C-alpha atoms as a PDB file:
ATOM      1  CA  UNK A   1      81.012 105.470 128.303  1.00  0.00           C
ATOM      2  CA  UNK A   2      84.534 104.464 126.729  1.00  0.00           C
ATOM      3  CA  UNK A   3      87.503 104.898 128.386  1.00  0.00           C
ATOM      4  CA  UNK A   4      89.583 104.511 124.800  1.00  0.00           C
ATOM      5  CA  UNK A   5      87.319 107.520 123.489  1.00  0.00           C
ATOM      6  CA  UNK A   6      88.293 109.625 126.456  1.00  0.00           C
ATOM      7  CA  UNK A   7      92.008 108.768 126.323  1.00  0.00           C
ATOM      8  CA  UNK A   8      91.548 109.477 122.082  1.00  0.00           C
ATOM      9  CA  UNK A   9      90.141 112.861 122.963  1.00  0.00           C
ATOM     10  CA  UNK A  10      93.432 113.435 125.282  1.00  0.00           C
ATOM     11  CA  UNK A  11      96.177 112.776 123.362  1.00  0.00           C
ATOM     12  CA  UNK A  12      97.987 113.679 120.141  1.00  0.00           C
ATOM     13  CA  UNK A  13      98.564 110.243 118.516  1.00  0.00           C
ATOM     14  CA  UNK A  14      96.935 107.366 116.893  1.00  0.00           C
ATOM     15  CA  UNK A  15      94.722 105.277 119.109  1.00  0.00           C
ATOM     16  CA  UNK A  16      94.396 101.764 117.704  1.00  0.00           C
ATOM     17  CA  UNK A  17      91.492  99.650 119.108  1.00  0.00           C
ATOM     18  CA  UNK A  18      91.348  96.004 119.842  1.00  0.00           C
ATOM     19  CA  UNK A  19      87.916  96.089 122.030  1.00  0.00           C
ATOM     20  CA  UNK A  20      88.072  99.274 123.223  1.00  0.00           C
ATOM     21  CA  UNK A  21      85.255 100.591 121.604  1.00  0.00           C
ATOM     22  CA  UNK A  22      84.568 102.583 118.212  1.00  0.00           C
ATOM     23  CA  UNK A  23      86.007 105.822 119.925  1.00  0.00           C
ATOM     24  CA  UNK A  24      89.548 105.244 118.688  1.00  0.00           C
ATOM     25  CA  UNK A  25      91.497 106.528 115.486  1.00  0.00           C
ATOM     26  CA  UNK A  26      91.494 102.870 113.952  1.00  0.00           C
ATOM     27  CA  UNK A  27      89.809  99.129 114.377  1.00  0.00           C
ATOM     28  CA  UNK A  28      91.462  96.160 114.116  1.00  0.00           C
ATOM     29  CA  UNK A  29      91.241  92.009 114.476  1.00  0.00           C
ATOM     30  CA  UNK A  30      93.591  89.390 113.835  1.00  0.00           C
ATOM     31  CA  UNK A  31      92.973  87.500 110.713  1.00  0.00           C
ATOM     32  CA  UNK A  32      92.169  84.228 112.516  1.00  0.00           C
ATOM     33  CA  UNK A  33      89.714  85.803 114.285  1.00  0.00           C
ATOM     34  CA  UNK A  34      88.051  87.476 111.288  1.00  0.00           C
ATOM     35  CA  UNK A  35      88.759  84.302 109.009  1.00  0.00           C
ATOM     36  CA  UNK A  36      87.318  81.927 112.236  1.00  0.00           C
ATOM     37  CA  UNK A  37      90.423  79.517 112.180  1.00  0.00           C
ATOM     38  CA  UNK A  38      90.201  79.518 115.422  1.00  0.00           C
ATOM     39  CA  UNK A  39      88.977  76.589 117.675  1.00  0.00           C
ATOM     40  CA  UNK A  40      87.552  76.745 121.232  1.00  0.00           C
ATOM     41  CA  UNK A  41      87.541  80.029 122.823  1.00  0.00           C
ATOM     42  CA  UNK A  42      87.067  83.466 120.696  1.00  0.00           C
ATOM     43  CA  UNK A  43      87.759  86.697 122.050  1.00  0.00           C
ATOM     44  CA  UNK A  44      85.028  88.691 123.454  1.00  0.00           C
ATOM     45  CA  UNK A  45      86.321  91.663 121.096  1.00  0.00           C
ATOM     46  CA  UNK A  46      86.492  89.388 118.232  1.00  0.00           C
ATOM     47  CA  UNK A  47      83.918  88.985 115.016  1.00  0.00           C
ATOM     48  CA  UNK A  48      84.025  86.018 112.899  1.00  0.00           C
ATOM     49  CA  UNK A  49      83.095  87.080 109.371  1.00  0.00           C
ATOM     50  CA  UNK A  50      83.642  83.137 108.019  1.00  0.00           C
ATOM     51  CA  UNK A  51      84.222  79.686 109.295  1.00  0.00           C
ATOM     52  CA  UNK A  52      87.687  79.017 108.004  1.00  0.00           C
ATOM     53  CA  UNK A  53      88.248  76.155 110.928  1.00  0.00           C
ATOM     54  CA  UNK A  54      85.181  74.135 109.087  1.00  0.00           C
ATOM     55  CA  UNK A  55      86.736  74.448 105.563  1.00  0.00           C
ATOM     56  CA  UNK A  56      90.120  72.991 107.126  1.00  0.00           C
ATOM     57  CA  UNK A  57      88.414  69.873 108.305  1.00  0.00           C
ATOM     58  CA  UNK A  58      86.697  69.369 104.825  1.00  0.00           C
ATOM     59  CA  UNK A  59      90.103  69.952 103.351  1.00  0.00           C
ATOM     60  CA  UNK A  60      91.687  67.162 105.969  1.00  0.00           C
ATOM     61  CA  UNK A  61      89.202  64.803 104.720  1.00  0.00           C
ATOM     62  CA  UNK A  62      89.862  65.133 101.354  1.00  0.00           C
ATOM     63  CA  UNK A  63      93.375  64.957 101.660  1.00  0.00           C
ATOM     64  CA  UNK A  64      93.142  61.982 104.053  1.00  0.00           C
ATOM     65  CA  UNK A  65      91.047  60.535 100.781  1.00  0.00           C
ATOM     66  CA  UNK A  66      93.348  61.332  98.178  1.00  0.00           C
ATOM     67  CA  UNK A  67      96.469  59.727  99.871  1.00  0.00           C
ATOM     68  CA  UNK A  68      94.576  56.552 100.317  1.00  0.00           C
ATOM     69  CA  UNK A  69      93.250  56.552  97.055  1.00  0.00           C
ATOM     70  CA  UNK A  70      96.587  56.606  95.864  1.00  0.00           C
ATOM     71  CA  UNK A  71      97.965  54.091  98.450  1.00  0.00           C
ATOM     72  CA  UNK A  72      94.978  51.737  97.422  1.00  0.00           C
ATOM     73  CA  UNK A  73      96.045  52.213  93.556  1.00  0.00           C
ATOM     74  CA  UNK A  74      99.797  51.818  94.081  1.00  0.00           C
ATOM     75  CA  UNK A  75      99.370  48.647  96.052  1.00  0.00           C
ATOM     76  CA  UNK A  76      96.709  47.239  93.200  1.00  0.00           C
ATOM     77  CA  UNK A  77      99.041  47.985  90.261  1.00  0.00           C
ATOM     78  CA  UNK A  78      96.321  50.924  88.988  1.00  0.00           C
ATOM     79  CA  UNK A  79      99.394  53.661  89.413  1.00  0.00           C
ATOM     80  CA  UNK A  80     101.595  53.971  87.925  1.00  0.00           C
ATOM     81  CA  UNK A  81     100.006  53.587  84.248  1.00  0.00           C
ATOM     82  CA  UNK A  82     101.821  53.667  81.110  1.00  0.00           C
ATOM     83  CA  UNK A  83     100.947  57.258  80.317  1.00  0.00           C
ATOM     84  CA  UNK A  84     102.663  58.089  83.806  1.00  0.00           C
ATOM     85  CA  UNK A  85     106.008  56.926  82.811  1.00  0.00           C
ATOM     86  CA  UNK A  86     108.535  58.648  81.238  1.00  0.00           C
ATOM     87  CA  UNK A  87     109.847  56.328  78.771  1.00  0.00           C
ATOM     88  CA  UNK A  88     113.756  56.529  77.452  1.00  0.00           C
ATOM     89  CA  UNK A  89     114.612  55.943  73.588  1.00  0.00           C
ATOM     90  CA  UNK A  90     115.573  52.690  72.669  1.00  0.00           C
ATOM     91  CA  UNK A  91     119.464  54.195  71.948  1.00  0.00           C
ATOM     92  CA  UNK A  92     120.066  56.081  75.176  1.00  0.00           C
ATOM     93  CA  UNK A  93     118.579  52.409  77.032  1.00  0.00           C
ATOM     94  CA  UNK A  94     121.422  50.783  75.002  1.00  0.00           C
ATOM     95  CA  UNK A  95     123.650  53.003  75.685  1.00  0.00           C
ATOM     96  CA  UNK A  96     123.139  52.893  79.801  1.00  0.00           C
ATOM     97  CA  UNK A  97     122.967  49.443  79.729  1.00  0.00           C
ATOM     98  CA  UNK A  98     126.627  49.140  77.874  1.00  0.00           C
ATOM     99  CA  UNK A  99     127.931  51.695  80.230  1.00  0.00           C
ATOM    100  CA  UNK A 100     126.412  49.889  83.530  1.00  0.00           C
ATOM    101  CA  UNK A 101     127.441  46.457  81.962  1.00  0.00           C
ATOM    102  CA  UNK A 102     131.132  48.198  82.232  1.00  0.00           C
ATOM    103  CA  UNK A 103     130.774  49.115  85.853  1.00  0.00           C
ATOM    104  CA  UNK A 104     131.098  45.680  86.913  1.00  0.00           C
END
């Protein structure tokens, strides 16, 4: 016995369901429920198809690890290496030094 189904039979409009049963014209869920991004309480009407919350946790651990490695490389002098530096042609360098010398 579905209330929504009985209402749907008697009205001339589209009736959408989120937990009201299959007797409606359409079903919907929020992406957060389908993808499992919620934490804690899950609504009774929802169905989780994937566990993105666990994937977000894994990605956060990877972010922290990457930034930790970057910090360690900067502190140790391993970054930047010469290949990460954009070098200026010598003539431009000389012109730069000449112009900043005049700025004094």
